Amino acid sequence: MDATLERVERLLALILIHDMKDAPQTEKAFSLSRAGFAHAEIAALLGTTAPVIAQQLYKLRSARKRIKPRK
């Protein structure tokens, strides 16, 4: 990937995190994941590890599946 594009992508991610400053880390991770960031990238942006992010996203998605109403 072009260095300029990587920088823009990182800046946009940091803006997203800043806008979500009061949100829990799990919600920030989920938003970054939906934007296409890998666990390791999310972890670097949030100052944690990829396994922590993977576990948080797994728990969040599992909880949302249990809440989702059946059609």
PDB file of N, CA and C in Angstrom:
ATOM      1  N   MET A   1       0.851  -1.184   0.000  1.00  0.00           N
ATOM      2  CA  MET A   1       0.000   0.000   0.000  1.00  0.00           C
ATOM      3  C   MET A   1       0.895   1.245   0.000  1.00  0.00           C
ATOM      4  N   ASP A   2       0.460   2.237  -0.696  1.00  0.00           N
ATOM      5  CA  ASP A   2       1.175   3.504  -0.768  1.00  0.00           C
ATOM      6  C   ASP A   2       1.273   4.136   0.621  1.00  0.00           C
ATOM      7  N   ALA A   3       2.423   4.727   0.941  1.00  0.00           N
ATOM      8  CA  ALA A   3       2.650   5.318   2.262  1.00  0.00           C
ATOM      9  C   ALA A   3       1.658   6.435   2.565  1.00  0.00           C
ATOM     10  N   THR A   4       1.304   7.216   1.570  1.00  0.00           N
ATOM     11  CA  THR A   4       0.346   8.305   1.766  1.00  0.00           C
ATOM     12  C   THR A   4      -1.027   7.750   2.103  1.00  0.00           C
ATOM     13  N   LEU A   5      -1.423   6.705   1.403  1.00  0.00           N
ATOM     14  CA  LEU A   5      -2.716   6.081   1.664  1.00  0.00           C
ATOM     15  C   LEU A   5      -2.755   5.482   3.062  1.00  0.00           C
ATOM     16  N   GLU A   6      -1.664   4.858   3.481  1.00  0.00           N
ATOM     17  CA  GLU A   6      -1.591   4.299   4.832  1.00  0.00           C
ATOM     18  C   GLU A   6      -1.737   5.399   5.879  1.00  0.00           C
ATOM     19  N   ARG A   7      -1.096   6.526   5.636  1.00  0.00           N
ATOM     20  CA  ARG A   7      -1.176   7.645   6.581  1.00  0.00           C
ATOM     21  C   ARG A   7      -2.612   8.176   6.662  1.00  0.00           C
ATOM     22  N   VAL A   8      -3.267   8.321   5.534  1.00  0.00           N
ATOM     23  CA  VAL A   8      -4.654   8.801   5.516  1.00  0.00           C
ATOM     24  C   VAL A   8      -5.564   7.818   6.243  1.00  0.00           C
ATOM     25  N   GLU A   9      -5.353   6.534   5.989  1.00  0.00           N
ATOM     26  CA  GLU A   9      -6.149   5.507   6.646  1.00  0.00           C
ATOM     27  C   GLU A   9      -5.969   5.575   8.162  1.00  0.00           C
ATOM     28  N   ARG A  10      -4.749   5.739   8.607  1.00  0.00           N
ATOM     29  CA  ARG A  10      -4.473   5.821  10.045  1.00  0.00           C
ATOM     30  C   ARG A  10      -5.096   7.084  10.650  1.00  0.00           C
ATOM     31  N   LEU A  11      -4.997   8.197   9.949  1.00  0.00           N
ATOM     32  CA  LEU A  11      -5.612   9.438  10.439  1.00  0.00           C
ATOM     33  C   LEU A  11      -7.119   9.307  10.564  1.00  0.00           C
ATOM     34  N   LEU A  12      -7.753   8.689   9.595  1.00  0.00           N
ATOM     35  CA  LEU A  12      -9.203   8.487   9.666  1.00  0.00           C
ATOM     36  C   LEU A  12      -9.577   7.585  10.838  1.00  0.00           C
ATOM     37  N   ALA A  13      -8.771   6.553  11.068  1.00  0.00           N
ATOM     38  CA  ALA A  13      -9.016   5.678  12.212  1.00  0.00           C
ATOM     39  C   ALA A  13      -8.879   6.449  13.522  1.00  0.00           C
ATOM     40  N   LEU A  14      -7.873   7.292  13.622  1.00  0.00           N
ATOM     41  CA  LEU A  14      -7.684   8.077  14.840  1.00  0.00           C
ATOM     42  C   LEU A  14      -8.815   9.086  15.049  1.00  0.00           C
ATOM     43  N   ILE A  15      -9.337   9.636  13.966  1.00  0.00           N
ATOM     44  CA  ILE A  15     -10.489  10.541  14.069  1.00  0.00           C
ATOM     45  C   ILE A  15     -11.701   9.777  14.587  1.00  0.00           C
ATOM     46  N   LEU A  16     -11.920   8.577  14.071  1.00  0.00           N
ATOM     47  CA  LEU A  16     -13.024   7.740  14.542  1.00  0.00           C
ATOM     48  C   LEU A  16     -12.886   7.464  16.035  1.00  0.00           C
ATOM     49  N   ILE A  17     -11.687   7.084  16.457  1.00  0.00           N
ATOM     50  CA  ILE A  17     -11.451   6.802  17.871  1.00  0.00           C
ATOM     51  C   ILE A  17     -11.685   8.050  18.715  1.00  0.00           C
ATOM     52  N   HIS A  18     -11.218   9.180  18.243  1.00  0.00           N
ATOM     53  CA  HIS A  18     -11.407  10.432  18.980  1.00  0.00           C
ATOM     54  C   HIS A  18     -12.892  10.772  19.113  1.00  0.00           C
ATOM     55  N   ASP A  19     -13.644  10.592  18.044  1.00  0.00           N
ATOM     56  CA  ASP A  19     -15.075  10.884  18.077  1.00  0.00           C
ATOM     57  C   ASP A  19     -15.826   9.945  19.023  1.00  0.00           C
ATOM     58  N   MET A  20     -15.247   8.783  19.276  1.00  0.00           N
ATOM     59  CA  MET A  20     -15.866   7.800  20.162  1.00  0.00           C
ATOM     60  C   MET A  20     -15.192   7.796  21.538  1.00  0.00           C
ATOM     61  N   LYS A  21     -14.607   8.903  21.939  1.00  0.00           N
ATOM     62  CA  LYS A  21     -13.776   8.938  23.142  1.00  0.00           C
ATOM     63  C   LYS A  21     -14.482   8.429  24.395  1.00  0.00           C
ATOM     64  N   ASP A  22     -15.787   8.592  24.490  1.00  0.00           N
ATOM     65  CA  ASP A  22     -16.522   8.135  25.672  1.00  0.00           C
ATOM     66  C   ASP A  22     -17.038   6.705  25.535  1.00  0.00           C
ATOM     67  N   ALA A  23     -16.875   6.123  24.374  1.00  0.00           N
ATOM     68  CA  ALA A  23     -17.346   4.752  24.138  1.00  0.00           C
ATOM     69  C   ALA A  23     -16.354   3.749  24.717  1.00  0.00           C
ATOM     70  N   PRO A  24     -16.854   2.579  25.097  1.00  0.00           N
ATOM     71  CA  PRO A  24     -15.942   1.540  25.583  1.00  0.00           C
ATOM     72  C   PRO A  24     -14.999   1.070  24.471  1.00  0.00           C
ATOM     73  N   GLN A  25     -13.870   0.524  24.867  1.00  0.00           N
ATOM     74  CA  GLN A  25     -12.886   0.033  23.905  1.00  0.00           C
ATOM     75  C   GLN A  25     -13.502  -0.988  22.956  1.00  0.00           C
ATOM     76  N   THR A  26     -14.400  -1.806  23.462  1.00  0.00           N
ATOM     77  CA  THR A  26     -15.037  -2.830  22.634  1.00  0.00           C
ATOM     78  C   THR A  26     -15.793  -2.205  21.462  1.00  0.00           C
ATOM     79  N   GLU A  27     -16.508  -1.134  21.720  1.00  0.00           N
ATOM     80  CA  GLU A  27     -17.258  -0.464  20.659  1.00  0.00           C
ATOM     81  C   GLU A  27     -16.323   0.177  19.650  1.00  0.00           C
ATOM     82  N   LYS A  28     -15.222   0.747  20.117  1.00  0.00           N
ATOM     83  CA  LYS A  28     -14.233   1.316  19.206  1.00  0.00           C
ATOM     84  C   LYS A  28     -13.651   0.219  18.321  1.00  0.00           C
ATOM     85  N   ALA A  29     -13.316  -0.913  18.945  1.00  0.00           N
ATOM     86  CA  ALA A  29     -12.758  -2.036  18.196  1.00  0.00           C
ATOM     87  C   ALA A  29     -13.750  -2.532  17.151  1.00  0.00           C
ATOM     88  N   PHE A  30     -15.021  -2.599  17.529  1.00  0.00           N
ATOM     89  CA  PHE A  30     -16.047  -3.064  16.599  1.00  0.00           C
ATOM     90  C   PHE A  30     -16.162  -2.119  15.402  1.00  0.00           C
ATOM     91  N   SER A  31     -16.145  -0.828  15.655  1.00  0.00           N
ATOM     92  CA  SER A  31     -16.227   0.148  14.565  1.00  0.00           C
ATOM     93  C   SER A  31     -15.037   0.040  13.628  1.00  0.00           C
ATOM     94  N   LEU A  32     -13.852  -0.119  14.196  1.00  0.00           N
ATOM     95  CA  LEU A  32     -12.655  -0.264  13.367  1.00  0.00           C
ATOM     96  C   LEU A  32     -12.686  -1.577  12.590  1.00  0.00           C
ATOM     97  N   SER A  33     -13.194  -2.617  13.198  1.00  0.00           N
ATOM     98  CA  SER A  33     -13.320  -3.902  12.516  1.00  0.00           C
ATOM     99  C   SER A  33     -14.276  -3.791  11.330  1.00  0.00           C
ATOM    100  N   ARG A  34     -15.382  -3.121  11.540  1.00  0.00           N
ATOM    101  CA  ARG A  34     -16.349  -2.918  10.448  1.00  0.00           C
ATOM    102  C   ARG A  34     -15.765  -2.075   9.327  1.00  0.00           C
ATOM    103  N   ALA A  35     -14.786  -1.231   9.660  1.00  0.00           N
ATOM    104  CA  ALA A  35     -14.116  -0.402   8.650  1.00  0.00           C
ATOM    105  C   ALA A  35     -13.032  -1.183   7.909  1.00  0.00           C
ATOM    106  N   GLY A  36     -12.811  -2.437   8.326  1.00  0.00           N
ATOM    107  CA  GLY A  36     -11.875  -3.284   7.603  1.00  0.00           C
ATOM    108  C   GLY A  36     -10.500  -3.446   8.226  1.00  0.00           C
ATOM    109  N   PHE A  37     -10.314  -2.950   9.427  1.00  0.00           N
ATOM    110  CA  PHE A  37      -9.026  -3.090  10.097  1.00  0.00           C
ATOM    111  C   PHE A  37      -8.889  -4.488  10.686  1.00  0.00           C
ATOM    112  N   ALA A  38      -7.673  -5.024  10.633  1.00  0.00           N
ATOM    113  CA  ALA A  38      -7.372  -6.327  11.215  1.00  0.00           C
ATOM    114  C   ALA A  38      -7.186  -6.179  12.728  1.00  0.00           C
ATOM    115  N   HIS A  39      -7.270  -7.296  13.437  1.00  0.00           N
ATOM    116  CA  HIS A  39      -7.127  -7.272  14.900  1.00  0.00           C
ATOM    117  C   HIS A  39      -5.817  -6.617  15.327  1.00  0.00           C
ATOM    118  N   ALA A  40      -4.732  -6.942  14.654  1.00  0.00           N
ATOM    119  CA  ALA A  40      -3.434  -6.371  15.021  1.00  0.00           C
ATOM    120  C   ALA A  40      -3.414  -4.853  14.805  1.00  0.00           C
ATOM    121  N   GLU A  41      -4.038  -4.386  13.739  1.00  0.00           N
ATOM    122  CA  GLU A  41      -4.094  -2.946  13.473  1.00  0.00           C
ATOM    123  C   GLU A  41      -4.932  -2.238  14.530  1.00  0.00           C
ATOM    124  N   ILE A  42      -6.055  -2.831  14.880  1.00  0.00           N
ATOM    125  CA  ILE A  42      -6.933  -2.259  15.903  1.00  0.00           C
ATOM    126  C   ILE A  42      -6.200  -2.202  17.234  1.00  0.00           C
ATOM    127  N   ALA A  43      -5.518  -3.282  17.565  1.00  0.00           N
ATOM    128  CA  ALA A  43      -4.773  -3.341  18.822  1.00  0.00           C
ATOM    129  C   ALA A  43      -3.728  -2.234  18.885  1.00  0.00           C
ATOM    130  N   ALA A  44      -3.011  -2.012  17.800  1.00  0.00           N
ATOM    131  CA  ALA A  44      -1.992  -0.956  17.768  1.00  0.00           C
ATOM    132  C   ALA A  44      -2.629   0.414  17.965  1.00  0.00           C
ATOM    133  N   LEU A  45      -3.771   0.644  17.359  1.00  0.00           N
ATOM    134  CA  LEU A  45      -4.451   1.936  17.486  1.00  0.00           C
ATOM    135  C   LEU A  45      -4.999   2.161  18.891  1.00  0.00           C
ATOM    136  N   LEU A  46      -5.430   1.079  19.544  1.00  0.00           N
ATOM    137  CA  LEU A  46      -6.055   1.205  20.864  1.00  0.00           C
ATOM    138  C   LEU A  46      -5.095   0.910  22.014  1.00  0.00           C
ATOM    139  N   GLY A  47      -3.862   0.557  21.693  1.00  0.00           N
ATOM    140  CA  GLY A  47      -2.879   0.329  22.736  1.00  0.00           C
ATOM    141  C   GLY A  47      -3.076  -0.955  23.519  1.00  0.00           C
ATOM    142  N   THR A  48      -3.422  -2.020  22.839  1.00  0.00           N
ATOM    143  CA  THR A  48      -3.605  -3.315  23.481  1.00  0.00           C
ATOM    144  C   THR A  48      -3.035  -4.396  22.568  1.00  0.00           C
ATOM    145  N   THR A  49      -3.450  -5.640  22.756  1.00  0.00           N
ATOM    146  CA  THR A  49      -2.923  -6.732  21.935  1.00  0.00           C
ATOM    147  C   THR A  49      -4.014  -7.304  21.032  1.00  0.00           C
ATOM    148  N   ALA A  50      -3.578  -7.958  19.967  1.00  0.00           N
ATOM    149  CA  ALA A  50      -4.530  -8.565  19.028  1.00  0.00           C
ATOM    150  C   ALA A  50      -5.417  -9.621  19.694  1.00  0.00           C
ATOM    151  N   PRO A  51      -4.881 -10.486  20.587  1.00  0.00           N
ATOM    152  CA  PRO A  51      -5.769 -11.456  21.246  1.00  0.00           C
ATOM    153  C   PRO A  51      -6.859 -10.799  22.107  1.00  0.00           C
ATOM    154  N   VAL A  52      -6.527  -9.670  22.738  1.00  0.00           N
ATOM    155  CA  VAL A  52      -7.534  -8.951  23.523  1.00  0.00           C
ATOM    156  C   VAL A  52      -8.648  -8.449  22.602  1.00  0.00           C
ATOM    157  N   ILE A  53      -8.278  -7.874  21.482  1.00  0.00           N
ATOM    158  CA  ILE A  53      -9.262  -7.377  20.514  1.00  0.00           C
ATOM    159  C   ILE A  53     -10.110  -8.527  19.982  1.00  0.00           C
ATOM    160  N   ALA A  54      -9.473  -9.633  19.635  1.00  0.00           N
ATOM    161  CA  ALA A  54     -10.209 -10.795  19.120  1.00  0.00           C
ATOM    162  C   ALA A  54     -11.237 -11.273  20.137  1.00  0.00           C
ATOM    163  N   GLN A  55     -10.845 -11.343  21.397  1.00  0.00           N
ATOM    164  CA  GLN A  55     -11.758 -11.791  22.452  1.00  0.00           C
ATOM    165  C   GLN A  55     -12.908 -10.807  22.644  1.00  0.00           C
ATOM    166  N   GLN A  56     -12.608  -9.522  22.655  1.00  0.00           N
ATOM    167  CA  GLN A  56     -13.657  -8.509  22.815  1.00  0.00           C
ATOM    168  C   GLN A  56     -14.660  -8.571  21.675  1.00  0.00           C
ATOM    169  N   LEU A  57     -14.168  -8.686  20.452  1.00  0.00           N
ATOM    170  CA  LEU A  57     -15.068  -8.739  19.297  1.00  0.00           C
ATOM    171  C   LEU A  57     -15.902 -10.011  19.301  1.00  0.00           C
ATOM    172  N   TYR A  58     -15.296 -11.121  19.701  1.00  0.00           N
ATOM    173  CA  TYR A  58     -16.028 -12.380  19.787  1.00  0.00           C
ATOM    174  C   TYR A  58     -17.173 -12.266  20.795  1.00  0.00           C
ATOM    175  N   LYS A  59     -16.880 -11.739  21.979  1.00  0.00           N
ATOM    176  CA  LYS A  59     -17.910 -11.586  23.012  1.00  0.00           C
ATOM    177  C   LYS A  59     -19.018 -10.636  22.561  1.00  0.00           C
ATOM    178  N   LEU A  60     -18.637  -9.532  21.928  1.00  0.00           N
ATOM    179  CA  LEU A  60     -19.623  -8.558  21.467  1.00  0.00           C
ATOM    180  C   LEU A  60     -20.526  -9.160  20.403  1.00  0.00           C
ATOM    181  N   ARG A  61     -19.941  -9.839  19.428  1.00  0.00           N
ATOM    182  CA  ARG A  61     -20.742 -10.447  18.362  1.00  0.00           C
ATOM    183  C   ARG A  61     -21.631 -11.557  18.909  1.00  0.00           C
ATOM    184  N   SER A  62     -21.130 -12.332  19.844  1.00  0.00           N
ATOM    185  CA  SER A  62     -21.929 -13.398  20.450  1.00  0.00           C
ATOM    186  C   SER A  62     -23.119 -12.820  21.199  1.00  0.00           C
ATOM    187  N   ALA A  63     -22.886 -11.748  21.947  1.00  0.00           N
ATOM    188  CA  ALA A  63     -23.964 -11.103  22.695  1.00  0.00           C
ATOM    189  C   ALA A  63     -24.999 -10.521  21.749  1.00  0.00           C
ATOM    190  N   ARG A  64     -24.566  -9.932  20.670  1.00  0.00           N
ATOM    191  CA  ARG A  64     -25.510  -9.343  19.706  1.00  0.00           C
ATOM    192  C   ARG A  64     -26.315 -10.406  18.991  1.00  0.00           C
ATOM    193  N   LYS A  65     -25.734 -11.578  18.751  1.00  0.00           N
ATOM    194  CA  LYS A  65     -26.480 -12.673  18.124  1.00  0.00           C
ATOM    195  C   LYS A  65     -27.568 -13.186  19.046  1.00  0.00           C
ATOM    196  N   ARG A  66     -27.295 -13.249  20.342  1.00  0.00           N
ATOM    197  CA  ARG A  66     -28.293 -13.728  21.315  1.00  0.00           C
ATOM    198  C   ARG A  66     -29.462 -12.760  21.432  1.00  0.00           C
ATOM    199  N   ILE A  67     -29.188 -11.479  21.259  1.00  0.00           N
ATOM    200  CA  ILE A  67     -30.225 -10.452  21.396  1.00  0.00           C
ATOM    201  C   ILE A  67     -31.058 -10.322  20.125  1.00  0.00           C
ATOM    202  N   LYS A  68     -30.474 -10.633  18.990  1.00  0.00           N
ATOM    203  CA  LYS A  68     -31.136 -10.440  17.698  1.00  0.00           C
ATOM    204  C   LYS A  68     -32.450 -11.242  17.648  1.00  0.00           C
ATOM    205  N   PRO A  69     -33.579 -10.569  17.360  1.00  0.00           N
ATOM    206  CA  PRO A  69     -34.856 -11.273  17.290  1.00  0.00           C
ATOM    207  C   PRO A  69     -34.949 -12.176  16.078  1.00  0.00           C
ATOM    208  N   ARG A  70     -35.655 -13.263  16.262  1.00  0.00           N
ATOM    209  CA  ARG A  70     -35.848 -14.199  15.151  1.00  0.00           C
ATOM    210  C   ARG A  70     -37.005 -13.739  14.293  1.00  0.00           C
ATOM    211  N   LYS A  71     -36.906 -14.052  13.001  1.00  0.00           N
ATOM    212  CA  LYS A  71     -37.963 -13.643  12.057  1.00  0.00           C
ATOM    213  C   LYS A  71     -38.933 -14.754  11.839  1.00  0.00           C
TER     214      LYS A  71
END
